[in-house]
Structure formats: C-alpha cells, structure tokens
Amino acid sequence: EDRLELAREIRKATKPMVIAANKMDTPEAQENY
C-alpha cells in the first residue's frame, strides 16, 4: 500500500488533471453535477 500511495503521488505531481463534466446540457448531467 506504501508503493501504491507513492505511485499515486507521483502521478498527481507529473500528470495533474482537470475534470470536464461533459454533456451538461442534459437534465441528468446537471443533477449528477
């Protein structure tokens, strides 16, 4: 679990991410958002 946590931290540092909540022009997406 230590190795996995370290891998996760390296991933977050080297490949940061933004979530594009797509298809937000639908009622279902707006509710989920």
Full PDB file with SEQRES, HELIX, SHEET, SSBOND, CRYST1, ORIGX, SCALE, CONECT and MASTER records, all heavy atoms in Angstrom:
SEQRES   1 A   33  GLU ASP ARG LEU GLU LEU ALA ARG GLU ILE ARG LYS ALA          
SEQRES   2 A   33  THR LYS PRO MET VAL ILE ALA ALA ASN LYS MET ASP THR          
SEQRES   3 A   33  PRO GLU ALA GLN GLU ASN TYR                                  
HELIX    1 AA1 ASP A    2  THR A   14  1                                  13    
HELIX    2 AA2 PRO A   27  ASN A   32  1                                   6    
CRYST1    1.000    1.000    1.000  90.00  90.00  90.00 P 1           1          
ORIGX1      1.000000  0.000000  0.000000        0.00000                         
ORIGX2      0.000000  1.000000  0.000000        0.00000                         
ORIGX3      0.000000  0.000000  1.000000        0.00000                         
SCALE1      1.000000  0.000000  0.000000        0.00000                         
SCALE2      0.000000  1.000000  0.000000        0.00000                         
SCALE3      0.000000  0.000000  1.000000        0.00000                         
ATOM      1  N   GLU A   1       0.827  -1.214   0.000  1.00  0.00           N  
ATOM      2  CA  GLU A   1       0.000   0.000   0.000  1.00  0.00           C  
ATOM      3  C   GLU A   1       0.861   1.264   0.000  1.00  0.00           C  
ATOM      4  O   GLU A   1       0.456   2.311  -0.508  1.00  0.00           O  
ATOM      5  CB  GLU A   1      -0.951   0.015   1.197  1.00  0.00           C  
ATOM      6  CG  GLU A   1      -0.298  -0.111   2.554  1.00  0.00           C  
ATOM      7  CD  GLU A   1      -0.181  -1.564   3.030  1.00  0.00           C  
ATOM      8  OE1 GLU A   1      -0.158  -2.466   2.174  1.00  0.00           O  
ATOM      9  OE2 GLU A   1      -0.128  -1.769   4.262  1.00  0.00           O  
ATOM     10  N   ASP A   2       2.084   1.163   0.577  1.00  0.00           N  
ATOM     11  CA  ASP A   2       3.001   2.307   0.534  1.00  0.00           C  
ATOM     12  C   ASP A   2       3.429   2.592  -0.904  1.00  0.00           C  
ATOM     13  O   ASP A   2       3.501   3.752  -1.338  1.00  0.00           O  
ATOM     14  CB  ASP A   2       4.246   2.024   1.384  1.00  0.00           C  
ATOM     15  CG  ASP A   2       3.926   1.860   2.864  1.00  0.00           C  
ATOM     16  OD1 ASP A   2       2.938   2.465   3.318  1.00  0.00           O  
ATOM     17  OD2 ASP A   2       4.660   1.134   3.548  1.00  0.00           O  
ATOM     18  N   ARG A   3       3.731   1.543  -1.645  1.00  0.00           N  
ATOM     19  CA  ARG A   3       4.178   1.702  -3.030  1.00  0.00           C  
ATOM     20  C   ARG A   3       3.061   2.284  -3.894  1.00  0.00           C  
ATOM     21  O   ARG A   3       3.312   3.144  -4.743  1.00  0.00           O  
ATOM     22  CB  ARG A   3       4.638   0.350  -3.587  1.00  0.00           C  
ATOM     23  CG  ARG A   3       5.806  -0.247  -2.808  1.00  0.00           C  
ATOM     24  CD  ARG A   3       6.266  -1.559  -3.397  1.00  0.00           C  
ATOM     25  NE  ARG A   3       7.372  -2.128  -2.632  1.00  0.00           N  
ATOM     26  CZ  ARG A   3       8.257  -2.983  -3.097  1.00  0.00           C  
ATOM     27  NH1 ARG A   3       8.170  -3.393  -4.364  1.00  0.00           N  
ATOM     28  NH2 ARG A   3       9.221  -3.448  -2.344  1.00  0.00           N  
ATOM     29  N   LEU A   4       1.838   1.820  -3.659  1.00  0.00           N  
ATOM     30  CA  LEU A   4       0.714   2.345  -4.428  1.00  0.00           C  
ATOM     31  C   LEU A   4       0.480   3.810  -4.101  1.00  0.00           C  
ATOM     32  O   LEU A   4       0.218   4.626  -4.994  1.00  0.00           O  
ATOM     33  CB  LEU A   4      -0.550   1.535  -4.138  1.00  0.00           C  
ATOM     34  CG  LEU A   4      -1.824   2.013  -4.850  1.00  0.00           C  
ATOM     35  CD1 LEU A   4      -1.630   2.010  -6.365  1.00  0.00           C  
ATOM     36  CD2 LEU A   4      -3.021   1.138  -4.457  1.00  0.00           C  
ATOM     37  N   GLU A   5       0.595   4.178  -2.813  1.00  0.00           N  
ATOM     38  CA  GLU A   5       0.392   5.574  -2.436  1.00  0.00           C  
ATOM     39  C   GLU A   5       1.469   6.464  -3.056  1.00  0.00           C  
ATOM     40  O   GLU A   5       1.176   7.574  -3.520  1.00  0.00           O  
ATOM     41  CB  GLU A   5       0.405   5.723  -0.912  1.00  0.00           C  
ATOM     42  CG  GLU A   5       0.069   7.136  -0.448  1.00  0.00           C  
ATOM     43  CD  GLU A   5       0.005   7.274   1.060  1.00  0.00           C  
ATOM     44  OE1 GLU A   5       0.198   6.252   1.760  1.00  0.00           O  
ATOM     45  OE2 GLU A   5      -0.223   8.403   1.531  1.00  0.00           O  
ATOM     46  N   LEU A   6       2.715   5.965  -3.091  1.00  0.00           N  
ATOM     47  CA  LEU A   6       3.785   6.736  -3.710  1.00  0.00           C  
ATOM     48  C   LEU A   6       3.546   6.885  -5.210  1.00  0.00           C  
ATOM     49  O   LEU A   6       3.724   7.965  -5.770  1.00  0.00           O  
ATOM     50  CB  LEU A   6       5.141   6.076  -3.450  1.00  0.00           C  
ATOM     51  CG  LEU A   6       6.352   6.762  -4.087  1.00  0.00           C  
ATOM     52  CD1 LEU A   6       6.469   8.218  -3.620  1.00  0.00           C  
ATOM     53  CD2 LEU A   6       7.637   5.986  -3.767  1.00  0.00           C  
ATOM     54  N   ALA A   7       3.123   5.798  -5.856  1.00  0.00           N  
ATOM     55  CA  ALA A   7       2.818   5.858  -7.289  1.00  0.00           C  
ATOM     56  C   ALA A   7       1.724   6.890  -7.553  1.00  0.00           C  
ATOM     57  O   ALA A   7       1.797   7.656  -8.530  1.00  0.00           O  
ATOM     58  CB  ALA A   7       2.388   4.483  -7.788  1.00  0.00           C  
ATOM     59  N   ARG A   8       0.725   6.931  -6.682  1.00  0.00           N  
ATOM     60  CA  ARG A   8      -0.373   7.882  -6.841  1.00  0.00           C  
ATOM     61  C   ARG A   8       0.134   9.322  -6.709  1.00  0.00           C  
ATOM     62  O   ARG A   8      -0.262  10.200  -7.487  1.00  0.00           O  
ATOM     63  CB  ARG A   8      -1.459   7.607  -5.813  1.00  0.00           C  
ATOM     64  CG  ARG A   8      -2.675   8.518  -5.928  1.00  0.00           C  
ATOM     65  CD  ARG A   8      -3.745   8.176  -4.907  1.00  0.00           C  
ATOM     66  NE  ARG A   8      -4.233   6.821  -5.078  1.00  0.00           N  
ATOM     67  CZ  ARG A   8      -4.044   5.830  -4.207  1.00  0.00           C  
ATOM     68  NH1 ARG A   8      -3.365   6.052  -3.085  1.00  0.00           N  
ATOM     69  NH2 ARG A   8      -4.518   4.625  -4.441  1.00  0.00           N  
ATOM     70  N   GLU A   9       1.002   9.575  -5.749  1.00  0.00           N  
ATOM     71  CA  GLU A   9       1.536  10.929  -5.560  1.00  0.00           C  
ATOM     72  C   GLU A   9       2.395  11.357  -6.747  1.00  0.00           C  
ATOM     73  O   GLU A   9       2.352  12.516  -7.164  1.00  0.00           O  
ATOM     74  CB  GLU A   9       2.350  10.993  -4.263  1.00  0.00           C  
ATOM     75  CG  GLU A   9       1.513  10.953  -2.998  1.00  0.00           C  
ATOM     76  CD  GLU A   9       0.542  12.122  -2.897  1.00  0.00           C  
ATOM     77  OE1 GLU A   9       0.942  13.260  -3.221  1.00  0.00           O  
ATOM     78  OE2 GLU A   9      -0.615  11.903  -2.513  1.00  0.00           O  
ATOM     79  N   ILE A  10       3.169  10.424  -7.293  1.00  0.00           N  
ATOM     80  CA  ILE A  10       3.987  10.747  -8.467  1.00  0.00           C  
ATOM     81  C   ILE A  10       3.082  11.063  -9.654  1.00  0.00           C  
ATOM     82  O   ILE A  10       3.322  12.002 -10.411  1.00  0.00           O  
ATOM     83  CB  ILE A  10       4.946   9.590  -8.800  1.00  0.00           C  
ATOM     84  CG1 ILE A  10       5.913   9.341  -7.643  1.00  0.00           C  
ATOM     85  CG2 ILE A  10       5.730   9.890 -10.081  1.00  0.00           C  
ATOM     86  CD1 ILE A  10       6.778   8.095  -7.799  1.00  0.00           C  
ATOM     87  N   ARG A  11       2.012  10.277  -9.806  1.00  0.00           N  
ATOM     88  CA  ARG A  11       1.071  10.521 -10.901  1.00  0.00           C  
ATOM     89  C   ARG A  11       0.425  11.895 -10.770  1.00  0.00           C  
ATOM     90  O   ARG A  11       0.333  12.658 -11.739  1.00  0.00           O  
ATOM     91  CB  ARG A  11       0.004   9.419 -10.913  1.00  0.00           C  
ATOM     92  CG  ARG A  11      -0.953   9.477 -12.087  1.00  0.00           C  
ATOM     93  CD  ARG A  11      -2.241  10.200 -11.766  1.00  0.00           C  
ATOM     94  NE  ARG A  11      -2.971   9.580 -10.682  1.00  0.00           N  
ATOM     95  CZ  ARG A  11      -4.026  10.130 -10.093  1.00  0.00           C  
ATOM     96  NH1 ARG A  11      -4.461  11.325 -10.479  1.00  0.00           N  
ATOM     97  NH2 ARG A  11      -4.650   9.516  -9.095  1.00  0.00           N  
ATOM     98  N   LYS A  12      -0.009  12.242  -9.581  1.00  0.00           N  
ATOM     99  CA  LYS A  12      -0.675  13.525  -9.378  1.00  0.00           C  
ATOM    100  C   LYS A  12       0.284  14.691  -9.609  1.00  0.00           C  
ATOM    101  O   LYS A  12      -0.117  15.746 -10.093  1.00  0.00           O  
ATOM    102  CB  LYS A  12      -1.252  13.588  -7.963  1.00  0.00           C  
ATOM    103  CG  LYS A  12      -2.463  12.669  -7.779  1.00  0.00           C  
ATOM    104  CD  LYS A  12      -2.775  12.403  -6.319  1.00  0.00           C  
ATOM    105  CE  LYS A  12      -3.168  13.622  -5.548  1.00  0.00           C  
ATOM    106  NZ  LYS A  12      -3.523  13.296  -4.143  1.00  0.00           N  
ATOM    107  N   ALA A  13       1.567  14.487  -9.294  1.00  0.00           N  
ATOM    108  CA  ALA A  13       2.549  15.554  -9.472  1.00  0.00           C  
ATOM    109  C   ALA A  13       2.958  15.722 -10.923  1.00  0.00           C  
ATOM    110  O   ALA A  13       3.217  16.849 -11.381  1.00  0.00           O  
ATOM    111  CB  ALA A  13       3.783  15.273  -8.614  1.00  0.00           C  
ATOM    112  N   THR A  14       3.023  14.629 -11.667  1.00  0.00           N  
ATOM    113  CA  THR A  14       3.546  14.695 -13.035  1.00  0.00           C  
ATOM    114  C   THR A  14       2.461  14.722 -14.103  1.00  0.00           C  
ATOM    115  O   THR A  14       2.728  15.096 -15.244  1.00  0.00           O  
ATOM    116  CB  THR A  14       4.478  13.507 -13.322  1.00  0.00           C  
ATOM    117  OG1 THR A  14       3.758  12.280 -13.138  1.00  0.00           O  
ATOM    118  CG2 THR A  14       5.681  13.522 -12.379  1.00  0.00           C  
ATOM    119  N   LYS A  15       1.254  14.310 -13.769  1.00  0.00           N  
ATOM    120  CA  LYS A  15       0.140  14.353 -14.714  1.00  0.00           C  
ATOM    121  C   LYS A  15      -1.099  14.906 -14.008  1.00  0.00           C  
ATOM    122  O   LYS A  15      -2.080  14.190 -13.773  1.00  0.00           O  
ATOM    123  CB  LYS A  15      -0.160  12.949 -15.281  1.00  0.00           C  
ATOM    124  CG  LYS A  15       0.883  12.448 -16.271  1.00  0.00           C  
ATOM    125  CD  LYS A  15       0.793  13.215 -17.584  1.00  0.00           C  
ATOM    126  CE  LYS A  15       1.839  12.694 -18.570  1.00  0.00           C  
ATOM    127  NZ  LYS A  15       3.198  13.184 -18.260  1.00  0.00           N  
ATOM    128  N   PRO A  16      -1.066  16.195 -13.613  1.00  0.00           N  
ATOM    129  CA  PRO A  16      -2.239  16.784 -12.952  1.00  0.00           C  
ATOM    130  C   PRO A  16      -3.439  16.756 -13.887  1.00  0.00           C  
ATOM    131  O   PRO A  16      -3.298  16.672 -15.108  1.00  0.00           O  
ATOM    132  CB  PRO A  16      -1.788  18.210 -12.639  1.00  0.00           C  
ATOM    133  CG  PRO A  16      -0.687  18.481 -13.608  1.00  0.00           C  
ATOM    134  CD  PRO A  16       0.005  17.176 -13.840  1.00  0.00           C  
ATOM    135  N   MET A  17      -4.634  16.842 -13.306  1.00  0.00           N  
ATOM    136  CA  MET A  17      -5.845  16.576 -14.079  1.00  0.00           C  
ATOM    137  C   MET A  17      -6.970  17.543 -13.744  1.00  0.00           C  
ATOM    138  O   MET A  17      -7.146  17.954 -12.596  1.00  0.00           O  
ATOM    139  CB  MET A  17      -6.296  15.133 -13.789  1.00  0.00           C  
ATOM    140  CG  MET A  17      -7.427  14.623 -14.665  1.00  0.00           C  
ATOM    141  SD  MET A  17      -7.944  12.948 -14.178  1.00  0.00           S  
ATOM    142  CE  MET A  17      -6.388  12.056 -14.234  1.00  0.00           C  
ATOM    143  N   VAL A  18      -7.734  17.886 -14.782  1.00  0.00           N  
ATOM    144  CA  VAL A  18      -8.975  18.649 -14.652  1.00  0.00           C  
ATOM    145  C   VAL A  18     -10.103  17.768 -15.168  1.00  0.00           C  
ATOM    146  O   VAL A  18      -9.934  17.061 -16.164  1.00  0.00           O  
ATOM    147  CB  VAL A  18      -8.914  19.946 -15.473  1.00  0.00           C  
ATOM    148  CG1 VAL A  18     -10.264  20.641 -15.529  1.00  0.00           C  
ATOM    149  CG2 VAL A  18      -7.859  20.897 -14.910  1.00  0.00           C  
ATOM    150  N   ILE A  19     -11.251  17.783 -14.487  1.00  0.00           N  
ATOM    151  CA  ILE A  19     -12.418  17.026 -14.934  1.00  0.00           C  
ATOM    152  C   ILE A  19     -13.313  17.935 -15.765  1.00  0.00           C  
ATOM    153  O   ILE A  19     -13.771  18.979 -15.286  1.00  0.00           O  
ATOM    154  CB  ILE A  19     -13.221  16.469 -13.744  1.00  0.00           C  
ATOM    155  CG1 ILE A  19     -12.332  15.643 -12.813  1.00  0.00           C  
ATOM    156  CG2 ILE A  19     -14.407  15.630 -14.254  1.00  0.00           C  
ATOM    157  CD1 ILE A  19     -11.753  14.406 -13.429  1.00  0.00           C  
ATOM    158  N   ALA A  20     -13.538  17.558 -17.035  1.00  0.00           N  
ATOM    159  CA  ALA A  20     -14.501  18.267 -17.879  1.00  0.00           C  
ATOM    160  C   ALA A  20     -15.819  17.521 -17.804  1.00  0.00           C  
ATOM    161  O   ALA A  20     -15.971  16.432 -18.366  1.00  0.00           O  
ATOM    162  CB  ALA A  20     -14.002  18.340 -19.315  1.00  0.00           C  
ATOM    163  N   ALA A  21     -16.767  18.082 -17.058  1.00  0.00           N  
ATOM    164  CA  ALA A  21     -18.082  17.452 -16.885  1.00  0.00           C  
ATOM    165  C   ALA A  21     -18.900  17.704 -18.140  1.00  0.00           C  
ATOM    166  O   ALA A  21     -19.594  18.710 -18.255  1.00  0.00           O  
ATOM    167  CB  ALA A  21     -18.774  18.010 -15.649  1.00  0.00           C  
ATOM    168  N   ASN A  22     -18.809  16.773 -19.094  1.00  0.00           N  
ATOM    169  CA  ASN A  22     -19.398  16.984 -20.413  1.00  0.00           C  
ATOM    170  C   ASN A  22     -20.882  16.602 -20.443  1.00  0.00           C  
ATOM    171  O   ASN A  22     -21.382  15.918 -19.556  1.00  0.00           O  
ATOM    172  CB  ASN A  22     -18.627  16.173 -21.455  1.00  0.00           C  
ATOM    173  CG  ASN A  22     -18.895  16.650 -22.866  1.00  0.00           C  
ATOM    174  OD1 ASN A  22     -19.247  17.811 -23.092  1.00  0.00           O  
ATOM    175  ND2 ASN A  22     -18.759  15.763 -23.835  1.00  0.00           N  
ATOM    176  N   LYS A  23     -21.539  17.063 -21.495  1.00  0.00           N  
ATOM    177  CA  LYS A  23     -22.970  16.846 -21.743  1.00  0.00           C  
ATOM    178  C   LYS A  23     -23.838  17.481 -20.658  1.00  0.00           C  
ATOM    179  O   LYS A  23     -24.895  16.959 -20.292  1.00  0.00           O  
ATOM    180  CB  LYS A  23     -23.271  15.346 -21.881  1.00  0.00           C  
ATOM    181  CG  LYS A  23     -22.432  14.660 -22.965  1.00  0.00           C  
ATOM    182  CD  LYS A  23     -22.814  13.215 -23.181  1.00  0.00           C  
ATOM    183  CE  LYS A  23     -21.904  12.561 -24.227  1.00  0.00           C  
ATOM    184  NZ  LYS A  23     -22.248  11.144 -24.467  1.00  0.00           N  
ATOM    185  N   MET A  24     -23.337  18.630 -20.170  1.00  0.00           N  
ATOM    186  CA  MET A  24     -24.064  19.322 -19.110  1.00  0.00           C  
ATOM    187  C   MET A  24     -25.320  20.026 -19.606  1.00  0.00           C  
ATOM    188  O   MET A  24     -26.012  20.679 -18.836  1.00  0.00           O  
ATOM    189  CB  MET A  24     -23.126  20.340 -18.440  1.00  0.00           C  
ATOM    190  CG  MET A  24     -22.148  19.720 -17.461  1.00  0.00           C  
ATOM    191  SD  MET A  24     -22.953  19.031 -16.005  1.00  0.00           S  
ATOM    192  CE  MET A  24     -23.612  20.509 -15.296  1.00  0.00           C  
ATOM    193  N   ASP A  25     -25.611  19.889 -20.898  1.00  0.00           N  
ATOM    194  CA  ASP A  25     -26.856  20.448 -21.419  1.00  0.00           C  
ATOM    195  C   ASP A  25     -28.004  19.461 -21.308  1.00  0.00           C  
ATOM    196  O   ASP A  25     -29.050  19.632 -21.948  1.00  0.00           O  
ATOM    197  CB  ASP A  25     -26.680  20.889 -22.878  1.00  0.00           C  
ATOM    198  CG  ASP A  25     -25.939  19.858 -23.720  1.00  0.00           C  
ATOM    199  OD1 ASP A  25     -25.572  18.795 -23.178  1.00  0.00           O  
ATOM    200  OD2 ASP A  25     -25.721  20.121 -24.916  1.00  0.00           O  
ATOM    201  N   THR A  26     -27.841  18.417 -20.470  1.00  0.00           N  
ATOM    202  CA  THR A  26     -28.912  17.454 -20.213  1.00  0.00           C  
ATOM    203  C   THR A  26     -29.306  17.509 -18.739  1.00  0.00           C  
ATOM    204  O   THR A  26     -28.456  17.748 -17.875  1.00  0.00           O  
ATOM    205  CB  THR A  26     -28.468  16.020 -20.565  1.00  0.00           C  
ATOM    206  OG1 THR A  26     -27.401  15.626 -19.690  1.00  0.00           O  
ATOM    207  CG2 THR A  26     -27.991  15.942 -22.008  1.00  0.00           C  
ATOM    208  N   PRO A  27     -30.575  17.292 -18.416  1.00  0.00           N  
ATOM    209  CA  PRO A  27     -31.012  17.334 -17.008  1.00  0.00           C  
ATOM    210  C   PRO A  27     -30.292  16.311 -16.145  1.00  0.00           C  
ATOM    211  O   PRO A  27     -29.977  16.583 -14.977  1.00  0.00           O  
ATOM    212  CB  PRO A  27     -32.518  17.030 -17.098  1.00  0.00           C  
ATOM    213  CG  PRO A  27     -32.899  17.368 -18.501  1.00  0.00           C  
ATOM    214  CD  PRO A  27     -31.698  17.072 -19.344  1.00  0.00           C  
ATOM    215  N   GLU A  28     -30.027  15.125 -16.697  1.00  0.00           N  
ATOM    216  CA  GLU A  28     -29.352  14.080 -15.925  1.00  0.00           C  
ATOM    217  C   GLU A  28     -27.951  14.520 -15.512  1.00  0.00           C  
ATOM    218  O   GLU A  28     -27.518  14.295 -14.376  1.00  0.00           O  
ATOM    219  CB  GLU A  28     -29.272  12.781 -16.738  1.00  0.00           C  
ATOM    220  CG  GLU A  28     -30.613  12.148 -17.078  1.00  0.00           C  
ATOM    221  CD  GLU A  28     -31.275  12.767 -18.292  1.00  0.00           C  
ATOM    222  OE1 GLU A  28     -30.666  13.672 -18.924  1.00  0.00           O  
ATOM    223  OE2 GLU A  28     -32.414  12.379 -18.607  1.00  0.00           O  
ATOM    224  N   ALA A  29     -27.242  15.161 -16.440  1.00  0.00           N  
ATOM    225  CA  ALA A  29     -25.888  15.620 -16.136  1.00  0.00           C  
ATOM    226  C   ALA A  29     -25.911  16.722 -15.079  1.00  0.00           C  
ATOM    227  O   ALA A  29     -25.060  16.747 -14.173  1.00  0.00           O  
ATOM    228  CB  ALA A  29     -25.209  16.128 -17.408  1.00  0.00           C  
ATOM    229  N   GLN A  30     -26.873  17.608 -15.175  1.00  0.00           N  
ATOM    230  CA  GLN A  30     -26.959  18.695 -14.203  1.00  0.00           C  
ATOM    231  C   GLN A  30     -27.251  18.159 -12.812  1.00  0.00           C  
ATOM    232  O   GLN A  30     -26.692  18.637 -11.811  1.00  0.00           O  
ATOM    233  CB  GLN A  30     -28.040  19.683 -14.650  1.00  0.00           C  
ATOM    234  CG  GLN A  30     -27.687  20.416 -15.937  1.00  0.00           C  
ATOM    235  CD  GLN A  30     -28.862  21.116 -16.588  1.00  0.00           C  
ATOM    236  OE1 GLN A  30     -29.915  21.271 -15.974  1.00  0.00           O  
ATOM    237  NE2 GLN A  30     -28.699  21.550 -17.839  1.00  0.00           N  
ATOM    238  N   GLU A  31     -28.084  17.138 -12.728  1.00  0.00           N  
ATOM    239  CA  GLU A  31     -28.381  16.530 -11.428  1.00  0.00           C  
ATOM    240  C   GLU A  31     -27.137  15.844 -10.861  1.00  0.00           C  
ATOM    241  O   GLU A  31     -26.829  15.984  -9.668  1.00  0.00           O  
ATOM    242  CB  GLU A  31     -29.525  15.518 -11.593  1.00  0.00           C  
ATOM    243  CG  GLU A  31     -29.969  14.875 -10.298  1.00  0.00           C  
ATOM    244  CD  GLU A  31     -31.147  13.922 -10.486  1.00  0.00           C  
ATOM    245  OE1 GLU A  31     -31.846  14.040 -11.520  1.00  0.00           O  
ATOM    246  OE2 GLU A  31     -31.359  13.060  -9.608  1.00  0.00           O  
ATOM    247  N   ASN A  32     -26.420  15.113 -11.718  1.00  0.00           N  
ATOM    248  CA  ASN A  32     -25.193  14.450 -11.264  1.00  0.00           C  
ATOM    249  C   ASN A  32     -24.143  15.463 -10.834  1.00  0.00           C  
ATOM    250  O   ASN A  32     -23.437  15.275  -9.838  1.00  0.00           O  
ATOM    251  CB  ASN A  32     -24.628  13.561 -12.373  1.00  0.00           C  
ATOM    252  CG  ASN A  32     -25.422  12.278 -12.549  1.00  0.00           C  
ATOM    253  OD1 ASN A  32     -25.969  11.742 -11.594  1.00  0.00           O  
ATOM    254  ND2 ASN A  32     -25.483  11.784 -13.780  1.00  0.00           N  
ATOM    255  N   TYR A  33     -24.030  16.551 -11.584  1.00  0.00           N  
ATOM    256  CA  TYR A  33     -23.045  17.588 -11.273  1.00  0.00           C  
ATOM    257  C   TYR A  33     -23.323  18.200  -9.900  1.00  0.00           C  
ATOM    258  O   TYR A  33     -22.408  18.356  -9.074  1.00  0.00           O  
ATOM    259  CB  TYR A  33     -23.076  18.664 -12.348  1.00  0.00           C  
ATOM    260  CG  TYR A  33     -22.153  19.839 -12.091  1.00  0.00           C  
ATOM    261  CD1 TYR A  33     -20.802  19.765 -12.393  1.00  0.00           C  
ATOM    262  CD2 TYR A  33     -22.657  21.034 -11.553  1.00  0.00           C  
ATOM    263  CE1 TYR A  33     -19.954  20.836 -12.153  1.00  0.00           C  
ATOM    264  CE2 TYR A  33     -21.815  22.111 -11.317  1.00  0.00           C  
ATOM    265  CZ  TYR A  33     -20.470  22.013 -11.616  1.00  0.00           C  
ATOM    266  OH  TYR A  33     -19.645  23.081 -11.373  1.00  0.00           O  
TER     267      TYR A  33                                                      
MASTER        0    0    0    2    0    0    0    6  266    1    0    3          
END                                                                             
